[in-house]
Amino acid sequence: MTSWRSGAPLELIRFAGANRLKVEIDYRAEWGRQGPRVVEPYALRRTRDGNLVLFVVNDDGDLRSYRTDRIARVSVTRRTFQPRYIIEF
């Protein structure tokens, strides 16, 4: 299921965050690099420019943001995580 005019399956991301499960996203960066990333999902926010952005923590413990229109695929993993921030789903 998608929503907010995004191609990413946002309900999967929300489900994973609410259940403290990591997700694997296939992401295409602005400069063209594409590949899978395993992340802890925390929040979805809309920017002033109207882009919907997913805020995550990556496996290195770094806070990252990904535009949902550049996420090609999402899958929920069985890997759990201990939240470092408030999960806002």
Protein backbone atom coordinates (compact mmCIF):
# COMPACT_ATOMS: atom_id res chain seq x y z
CA MET A 1 0.00 0.00 0.00
CA THR A 2 1.30 3.47 -0.82
CA SER A 3 0.07 6.86 0.22
CA TRP A 4 0.96 10.55 0.27
CA ARG A 5 1.73 10.32 -3.50
CA SER A 6 4.82 8.21 -2.88
CA GLY A 7 5.92 5.09 -4.71
CA ALA A 8 7.32 3.56 -1.51
CA PRO A 9 5.10 1.14 0.44
CA LEU A 10 4.69 3.40 3.46
CA GLU A 11 2.52 0.99 5.43
CA LEU A 12 5.38 -1.53 5.47
CA ILE A 13 7.72 1.16 6.80
CA ARG A 14 5.20 2.21 9.46
CA PHE A 15 4.59 -1.41 10.47
CA ALA A 16 8.32 -2.06 10.82
CA GLY A 17 8.92 1.08 12.86
CA ALA A 18 6.00 0.43 15.19
CA ASN A 19 7.26 -3.13 15.74
CA ARG A 20 10.95 -2.16 16.00
CA LEU A 21 11.96 -4.11 12.92
CA LYS A 22 14.63 -2.99 10.49
CA VAL A 23 13.75 -2.51 6.84
CA GLU A 24 15.79 -3.04 3.72
CA ILE A 25 15.29 -0.29 1.17
CA ASP A 26 16.54 -0.20 -2.40
CA TYR A 27 17.43 3.48 -2.80
CA ARG A 28 18.55 5.53 -5.79
CA ALA A 29 20.61 8.53 -4.70
CA GLU A 30 20.38 11.86 -6.51
CA TRP A 31 23.76 11.29 -8.19
CA GLY A 32 22.65 7.87 -9.48
CA ARG A 33 24.15 5.39 -7.00
CA GLN A 34 21.58 2.69 -6.27
CA GLY A 35 21.61 -0.18 -3.84
CA PRO A 36 20.16 -1.81 -0.77
CA ARG A 37 20.40 -0.29 2.70
CA VAL A 38 19.27 -1.86 5.97
CA VAL A 39 17.95 0.81 8.32
CA GLU A 40 15.95 1.49 11.49
CA PRO A 41 12.85 3.54 10.51
CA TYR A 42 11.85 6.43 12.81
CA ALA A 43 9.69 9.03 11.05
CA LEU A 44 8.17 10.32 7.83
CA ARG A 45 8.11 14.08 7.27
CA ARG A 46 7.25 16.36 4.39
CA THR A 47 9.83 19.01 3.47
CA ARG A 48 9.07 22.61 2.56
CA ASP A 49 9.60 21.59 -1.06
CA GLY A 50 6.86 18.97 -0.73
CA ASN A 51 9.12 15.90 -0.70
CA LEU A 52 8.21 13.08 1.67
CA VAL A 53 11.33 12.03 3.59
CA LEU A 54 12.01 8.90 5.65
CA PHE A 55 14.27 9.45 8.68
CA VAL A 56 16.31 6.42 9.72
CA VAL A 57 19.41 5.24 11.55
CA ASN A 58 21.75 3.13 9.43
CA ASP A 59 23.87 0.16 10.55
CA ASP A 60 26.75 2.53 11.37
CA GLY A 61 24.50 4.36 13.85
CA ASP A 62 24.26 7.47 11.66
CA LEU A 63 21.03 9.43 11.28
CA ARG A 64 20.03 9.58 7.60
CA SER A 65 17.11 10.80 5.53
CA TYR A 66 15.84 9.33 2.27
CA ARG A 67 13.33 10.80 -0.15
CA THR A 68 10.54 8.27 -0.53
CA ASP A 69 10.19 8.93 -4.26
CA ARG A 70 13.72 7.50 -4.67
CA ILE A 71 12.95 4.27 -2.78
CA ALA A 72 12.41 1.52 -5.35
CA ARG A 73 11.63 -1.32 -2.95
CA VAL A 74 11.00 -1.93 0.76
CA SER A 75 11.08 -5.19 2.68
CA VAL A 76 10.66 -5.73 6.40
CA THR A 77 13.45 -7.80 7.96
CA ARG A 78 13.25 -10.02 11.02
CA ARG A 79 16.04 -8.02 12.64
CA THR A 80 14.86 -6.03 15.66
CA PHE A 81 16.39 -2.84 17.03
CA GLN A 82 16.44 -0.89 20.27
CA PRO A 83 15.18 2.64 19.46
CA ARG A 84 17.73 5.44 19.82
CA TYR A 85 15.06 8.09 19.24
CA ILE A 86 11.29 8.32 19.56
CA ILE A 87 9.57 6.37 16.79
CA GLU A 88 6.99 8.69 15.25
CA PHE A 89 4.68 6.41 13.26
